[in-house]
């Protein structure tokens, strides 16, 4: 949606933490998850919200025993890896 002002809204309910994002992984006894989302603008720079949500999901993963191996942002035939950039250690 080039030129669009539409912005997805991601809310992590403080009561639920990031658990809803791990529901399928827990049901399937997964050891790891990979988070992926796109930036329709093509800009790969993570927003403050992207960084905050990733940190929170990594912490939830530690609690439930499922590692977040990476978070990828996809845009304009390129990607940004949070792992490669050091946002996930």
Protein backbone atom coordinates (compact mmCIF):
# COMPACT_ATOMS: atom_id res chain seq x y z
CA UNK A 1 0.00 0.00 0.00
CA UNK A 2 2.46 2.57 -1.18
CA UNK A 3 1.57 6.06 -0.05
CA UNK A 4 -0.94 4.78 2.46
CA UNK A 5 -1.32 6.26 5.91
CA UNK A 6 -2.66 2.96 7.22
CA UNK A 7 -0.70 1.70 10.20
CA UNK A 8 -1.40 -1.64 11.86
CA UNK A 9 -2.03 -1.41 15.57
CA UNK A 10 -0.43 -4.08 17.70
CA UNK A 11 -1.56 -4.22 21.28
CA UNK A 12 -0.18 -6.56 23.86
CA UNK A 13 -2.67 -6.67 26.71
CA UNK A 14 -0.72 -6.18 29.92
CA UNK A 15 -2.85 -8.84 31.60
CA UNK A 16 -2.19 -11.41 28.91
CA UNK A 17 1.39 -10.38 28.18
CA UNK A 18 2.58 -11.85 24.92
CA UNK A 19 1.00 -15.22 25.59
CA UNK A 20 -1.57 -15.00 22.75
CA UNK A 21 1.34 -14.82 20.31
CA UNK A 22 2.74 -18.08 21.68
CA UNK A 23 -0.57 -19.98 21.77
CA UNK A 24 0.04 -22.02 18.58
CA UNK A 25 3.68 -22.64 19.49
CA UNK A 26 2.67 -23.94 22.93
CA UNK A 27 -0.04 -26.19 21.46
CA UNK A 28 2.53 -27.70 19.09
CA UNK A 29 5.29 -27.94 21.72
CA UNK A 30 7.55 -25.70 19.61
CA UNK A 31 11.04 -24.87 20.85
CA UNK A 32 11.35 -21.63 18.86
CA UNK A 33 9.34 -19.01 17.01
CA UNK A 34 10.19 -16.51 14.30
CA UNK A 35 8.37 -13.17 14.20
CA UNK A 36 7.87 -11.62 10.77
CA UNK A 37 6.00 -8.52 9.67
CA UNK A 38 6.10 -6.18 6.72
CA UNK A 39 6.51 -2.46 6.31
CA UNK A 40 4.43 -1.59 3.23
CA UNK A 41 6.35 1.69 2.95
CA UNK A 42 9.49 -0.35 2.21
CA UNK A 43 11.41 1.32 5.05
CA UNK A 44 13.19 -1.31 7.10
CA UNK A 45 13.92 0.84 10.16
CA UNK A 46 12.18 -0.66 13.19
CA UNK A 47 9.79 1.66 15.00
CA UNK A 48 9.94 2.18 18.76
CA UNK A 49 6.84 -0.04 18.95
CA UNK A 50 8.59 -2.78 16.93
CA UNK A 51 11.50 -2.73 19.38
CA UNK A 52 9.27 -2.68 22.47
CA UNK A 53 7.03 -5.50 21.27
CA UNK A 54 10.06 -7.60 20.33
CA UNK A 55 11.63 -7.12 23.77
CA UNK A 56 8.38 -8.09 25.46
CA UNK A 57 7.90 -11.18 23.28
CA UNK A 58 11.49 -12.30 23.92
CA UNK A 59 10.84 -12.00 27.68
CA UNK A 60 7.56 -13.95 27.43
CA UNK A 61 9.39 -16.58 25.40
CA UNK A 62 11.91 -16.98 28.20
CA UNK A 63 9.09 -17.46 30.70
CA UNK A 64 7.25 -20.10 28.65
CA UNK A 65 10.43 -21.77 27.39
CA UNK A 66 10.09 -20.88 23.71
CA UNK A 67 12.93 -18.87 22.18
CA UNK A 68 12.30 -16.03 19.77
CA UNK A 69 15.03 -16.81 17.24
CA UNK A 70 14.57 -13.65 15.18
CA UNK A 71 12.19 -10.91 14.14
CA UNK A 72 12.22 -9.94 10.49
CA UNK A 73 10.87 -6.81 8.86
CA UNK A 74 10.17 -7.27 5.15
CA UNK A 75 10.03 -4.37 2.70
CA UNK A 76 10.86 -3.64 -0.95
CA UNK A 77 12.68 -6.91 -1.73
CA UNK A 78 14.86 -6.55 1.39
CA UNK A 79 14.65 -7.54 5.00
CA UNK A 80 16.01 -6.47 8.37
CA UNK A 81 16.94 -9.11 10.93
CA UNK A 82 16.69 -8.03 14.57
CA UNK A 83 19.16 -10.81 15.40
CA UNK A 84 21.75 -9.59 12.87
CA UNK A 85 21.34 -5.99 14.09
CA UNK A 86 21.82 -7.05 17.72
CA UNK A 87 18.29 -6.21 18.90
CA UNK A 88 17.86 -9.86 19.94
CA UNK A 89 20.77 -11.38 21.81
